[in-house]
Amino acid sequence: MIDDNPAFLRAAKRVIANMPELELAGIASDAAAGLELVSKARPDVVLIDIQMPGMNGFELAARLRKSPAAPAMVLISSHVDGETLREAERLGVPAVLPKHDFVEGLRLALARATAARNQSAPRRKER
């Protein structure tokens, strides 16, 4: 999970801890640390905040998509509008989750992201 908001990260971590089917591979507070985390942990899915200082979530998603072993991605944001959805679609990220819907919408967003990755990408190598 990559987000620069410590309060959101704490809350999201609690939500994920209560979902036994999920394992949190790590947390990064900016895109550069997120790239390193993804490279080392090789998660199946990455939750990426759109609005971060420096490299934003759209730029990070574009960089991650270039990898042959790209994880599924869910973009998260406090503000989701038509422009956000169009940019996510352009990047090939099918799941955008408003932060205010995180608890109720996380499972569906994860399912959409992984289904899209499984349909469009070659099988990832085993870890």
C-alpha atoms as a PDB file:
ATOM      1  CA  MET A   1       0.000   0.000   0.000  1.00  0.00           C
ATOM      2  CA  ILE A   2       1.425   3.363  -1.028  1.00  0.00           C
ATOM      3  CA  ASP A   3      -0.024   6.521   0.524  1.00  0.00           C
ATOM      4  CA  ASP A   4       1.388   9.645   2.115  1.00  0.00           C
ATOM      5  CA  ASN A   5      -1.392  10.062   4.703  1.00  0.00           C
ATOM      6  CA  PRO A   6      -0.386   8.405   8.011  1.00  0.00           C
ATOM      7  CA  ALA A   7      -3.932   8.503   9.423  1.00  0.00           C
ATOM      8  CA  PHE A   8      -5.363   6.792   6.347  1.00  0.00           C
ATOM      9  CA  LEU A   9      -2.578   4.199   6.374  1.00  0.00           C
ATOM     10  CA  ARG A  10      -3.302   3.328  10.021  1.00  0.00           C
ATOM     11  CA  ALA A  11      -7.026   2.969   9.316  1.00  0.00           C
ATOM     12  CA  ALA A  12      -6.499   0.978   6.112  1.00  0.00           C
ATOM     13  CA  LYS A  13      -4.030  -1.313   7.855  1.00  0.00           C
ATOM     14  CA  ARG A  14      -6.693  -2.126  10.470  1.00  0.00           C
ATOM     15  CA  VAL A  15      -9.255  -2.876   7.745  1.00  0.00           C
ATOM     16  CA  ILE A  16      -6.856  -5.179   5.919  1.00  0.00           C
ATOM     17  CA  ALA A  17      -5.867  -6.915   9.172  1.00  0.00           C
ATOM     18  CA  ASN A  18      -9.523  -7.899   9.567  1.00  0.00           C
ATOM     19  CA  MET A  19      -9.596  -9.531   6.133  1.00  0.00           C
ATOM     20  CA  PRO A  20      -7.980 -12.945   6.648  1.00  0.00           C
ATOM     21  CA  GLU A  21      -7.725 -13.578   2.897  1.00  0.00           C
ATOM     22  CA  LEU A  22      -5.312 -10.634   2.551  1.00  0.00           C
ATOM     23  CA  GLU A  23      -1.716 -10.200   3.627  1.00  0.00           C
ATOM     24  CA  LEU A  24      -0.209  -6.730   3.753  1.00  0.00           C
ATOM     25  CA  ALA A  25       3.203  -7.006   2.096  1.00  0.00           C
ATOM     26  CA  GLY A  26       4.275  -3.541   3.185  1.00  0.00           C
ATOM     27  CA  ILE A  27       3.592   0.163   3.342  1.00  0.00           C
ATOM     28  CA  ALA A  28       5.348   3.026   1.591  1.00  0.00           C
ATOM     29  CA  SER A  29       4.689   6.720   2.143  1.00  0.00           C
ATOM     30  CA  ASP A  30       5.801   7.960  -1.288  1.00  0.00           C
ATOM     31  CA  ALA A  31       6.138   6.719  -4.836  1.00  0.00           C
ATOM     32  CA  ALA A  32       9.910   6.196  -4.752  1.00  0.00           C
ATOM     33  CA  ALA A  33       9.652   4.023  -1.652  1.00  0.00           C
ATOM     34  CA  GLY A  34       6.648   2.331  -3.265  1.00  0.00           C
ATOM     35  CA  LEU A  35       8.673   1.352  -6.337  1.00  0.00           C
ATOM     36  CA  GLU A  36      11.312  -0.189  -4.086  1.00  0.00           C
ATOM     37  CA  LEU A  37       8.698  -1.995  -1.996  1.00  0.00           C
ATOM     38  CA  VAL A  38       6.971  -3.448  -5.075  1.00  0.00           C
ATOM     39  CA  SER A  39      10.314  -4.547  -6.491  1.00  0.00           C
ATOM     40  CA  LYS A  40      11.253  -6.375  -3.284  1.00  0.00           C
ATOM     41  CA  ALA A  41       7.894  -7.719  -2.103  1.00  0.00           C
ATOM     42  CA  ARG A  42       6.411  -8.510  -5.547  1.00  0.00           C
ATOM     43  CA  PRO A  43       2.806  -8.183  -4.323  1.00  0.00           C
ATOM     44  CA  ASP A  44      -0.149  -9.453  -6.300  1.00  0.00           C
ATOM     45  CA  VAL A  45      -2.000  -6.146  -5.824  1.00  0.00           C
ATOM     46  CA  VAL A  46      -0.854  -2.621  -4.984  1.00  0.00           C
ATOM     47  CA  LEU A  47      -3.095   0.065  -3.499  1.00  0.00           C
ATOM     48  CA  ILE A  48      -1.823   3.462  -4.705  1.00  0.00           C
ATOM     49  CA  ASP A  49      -2.890   6.899  -3.524  1.00  0.00           C
ATOM     50  CA  ILE A  50      -3.318   9.218  -6.492  1.00  0.00           C
ATOM     51  CA  GLN A  51      -2.327  12.485  -4.823  1.00  0.00           C
ATOM     52  CA  MET A  52       1.154  12.258  -3.353  1.00  0.00           C
ATOM     53  CA  PRO A  53       3.972  14.788  -3.401  1.00  0.00           C
ATOM     54  CA  GLY A  54       6.637  14.209  -6.025  1.00  0.00           C
ATOM     55  CA  MET A  55       5.593  11.377  -8.318  1.00  0.00           C
ATOM     56  CA  ASN A  56       1.807  11.042  -8.103  1.00  0.00           C
ATOM     57  CA  GLY A  57      -0.154   7.797  -8.193  1.00  0.00           C
ATOM     58  CA  PHE A  58      -0.909   8.029 -11.912  1.00  0.00           C
ATOM     59  CA  GLU A  59       2.803   8.351 -12.708  1.00  0.00           C
ATOM     60  CA  LEU A  60       3.600   5.485 -10.360  1.00  0.00           C
ATOM     61  CA  ALA A  61       0.932   3.269 -11.936  1.00  0.00           C
ATOM     62  CA  ALA A  62       2.326   4.034 -15.408  1.00  0.00           C
ATOM     63  CA  ARG A  63       5.825   3.002 -14.275  1.00  0.00           C
ATOM     64  CA  LEU A  64       4.570  -0.175 -12.637  1.00  0.00           C
ATOM     65  CA  ARG A  65       2.578  -1.138 -15.768  1.00  0.00           C
ATOM     66  CA  LYS A  66       5.818  -1.249 -17.769  1.00  0.00           C
ATOM     67  CA  SER A  67       7.075  -4.172 -15.701  1.00  0.00           C
ATOM     68  CA  PRO A  68       6.553  -7.655 -17.166  1.00  0.00           C
ATOM     69  CA  ALA A  69       5.495  -8.777 -13.683  1.00  0.00           C
ATOM     70  CA  ALA A  70       3.246  -5.786 -13.048  1.00  0.00           C
ATOM     71  CA  PRO A  71       0.945  -6.248 -10.077  1.00  0.00           C
ATOM     72  CA  ALA A  72      -2.751  -5.547 -10.222  1.00  0.00           C
ATOM     73  CA  MET A  73      -3.403  -1.989  -9.077  1.00  0.00           C
ATOM     74  CA  VAL A  74      -6.146  -0.133  -7.252  1.00  0.00           C
ATOM     75  CA  LEU A  75      -5.949   3.640  -7.257  1.00  0.00           C
ATOM     76  CA  ILE A  76      -7.280   5.276  -4.111  1.00  0.00           C
ATOM     77  CA  SER A  77      -8.110   8.929  -3.573  1.00  0.00           C
ATOM     78  CA  SER A  78     -10.024  11.344  -1.401  1.00  0.00           C
ATOM     79  CA  HIS A  79     -11.471  12.870  -4.552  1.00  0.00           C
ATOM     80  CA  VAL A  80     -12.669  10.774  -7.491  1.00  0.00           C
ATOM     81  CA  ASP A  81     -14.277  12.439 -10.492  1.00  0.00           C
ATOM     82  CA  GLY A  82     -14.708  11.756 -14.197  1.00  0.00           C
ATOM     83  CA  GLU A  83     -11.198  12.966 -15.023  1.00  0.00           C
ATOM     84  CA  THR A  84      -9.734  10.597 -12.418  1.00  0.00           C
ATOM     85  CA  LEU A  85     -11.668   7.669 -13.862  1.00  0.00           C
ATOM     86  CA  ARG A  86     -10.657   8.506 -17.444  1.00  0.00           C
ATOM     87  CA  GLU A  87      -6.971   8.720 -16.515  1.00  0.00           C
ATOM     88  CA  ALA A  88      -7.162   5.419 -14.630  1.00  0.00           C
ATOM     89  CA  GLU A  89      -8.793   3.800 -17.662  1.00  0.00           C
ATOM     90  CA  ARG A  90      -6.138   5.259 -19.973  1.00  0.00           C
ATOM     91  CA  LEU A  91      -3.482   3.693 -17.743  1.00  0.00           C
ATOM     92  CA  GLY A  92      -5.257   0.337 -17.736  1.00  0.00           C
ATOM     93  CA  VAL A  93      -6.144   0.488 -14.037  1.00  0.00           C
ATOM     94  CA  PRO A  94      -9.747  -0.748 -13.769  1.00  0.00           C
ATOM     95  CA  ALA A  95     -10.251  -0.104 -10.057  1.00  0.00           C
ATOM     96  CA  VAL A  96     -10.479   3.335  -8.467  1.00  0.00           C
ATOM     97  CA  LEU A  97     -11.590   3.414  -4.856  1.00  0.00           C
ATOM     98  CA  PRO A  98     -12.667   6.584  -3.070  1.00  0.00           C
ATOM     99  CA  LYS A  99     -11.109   6.649   0.396  1.00  0.00           C
ATOM    100  CA  HIS A 100     -14.502   7.277   1.993  1.00  0.00           C
ATOM    101  CA  ASP A 101     -15.655   3.927   0.511  1.00  0.00           C
ATOM    102  CA  PHE A 102     -12.518   1.998   1.488  1.00  0.00           C
ATOM    103  CA  VAL A 103     -14.144  -0.320   4.038  1.00  0.00           C
ATOM    104  CA  GLU A 104     -17.168  -1.186   1.908  1.00  0.00           C
ATOM    105  CA  GLY A 105     -15.470  -1.126  -1.483  1.00  0.00           C
ATOM    106  CA  LEU A 106     -12.078  -2.755  -0.934  1.00  0.00           C
ATOM    107  CA  ARG A 107     -13.050  -6.345  -1.759  1.00  0.00           C
ATOM    108  CA  LEU A 108     -14.804  -5.358  -4.983  1.00  0.00           C
ATOM    109  CA  ALA A 109     -11.925  -3.086  -6.045  1.00  0.00           C
ATOM    110  CA  LEU A 110      -9.407  -5.870  -5.419  1.00  0.00           C
ATOM    111  CA  ALA A 111     -11.532  -8.354  -7.362  1.00  0.00           C
ATOM    112  CA  ARG A 112     -11.816  -5.981 -10.337  1.00  0.00           C
ATOM    113  CA  ALA A 113      -8.097  -5.259 -10.355  1.00  0.00           C
ATOM    114  CA  THR A 114      -7.011  -8.887 -10.170  1.00  0.00           C
ATOM    115  CA  ALA A 115      -9.591 -10.053 -12.727  1.00  0.00           C
ATOM    116  CA  ALA A 116      -8.414  -7.419 -15.207  1.00  0.00           C
ATOM    117  CA  ARG A 117      -4.754  -8.290 -14.667  1.00  0.00           C
ATOM    118  CA  ASN A 118      -5.461 -11.996 -15.090  1.00  0.00           C
ATOM    119  CA  GLN A 119      -7.302 -11.371 -18.364  1.00  0.00           C
ATOM    120  CA  SER A 120      -4.802  -8.975 -19.926  1.00  0.00           C
ATOM    121  CA  ALA A 121      -1.365 -10.014 -18.715  1.00  0.00           C
ATOM    122  CA  PRO A 122       0.712 -13.131 -19.094  1.00  0.00           C
ATOM    123  CA  ARG A 123       0.924 -15.324 -16.020  1.00  0.00           C
ATOM    124  CA  ARG A 124       3.350 -14.016 -13.419  1.00  0.00           C
ATOM    125  CA  LYS A 125       6.306 -16.189 -12.531  1.00  0.00           C
ATOM    126  CA  GLU A 126       6.157 -17.925  -9.177  1.00  0.00           C
ATOM    127  CA  ARG A 127       7.990 -16.147  -6.387  1.00  0.00           C
END
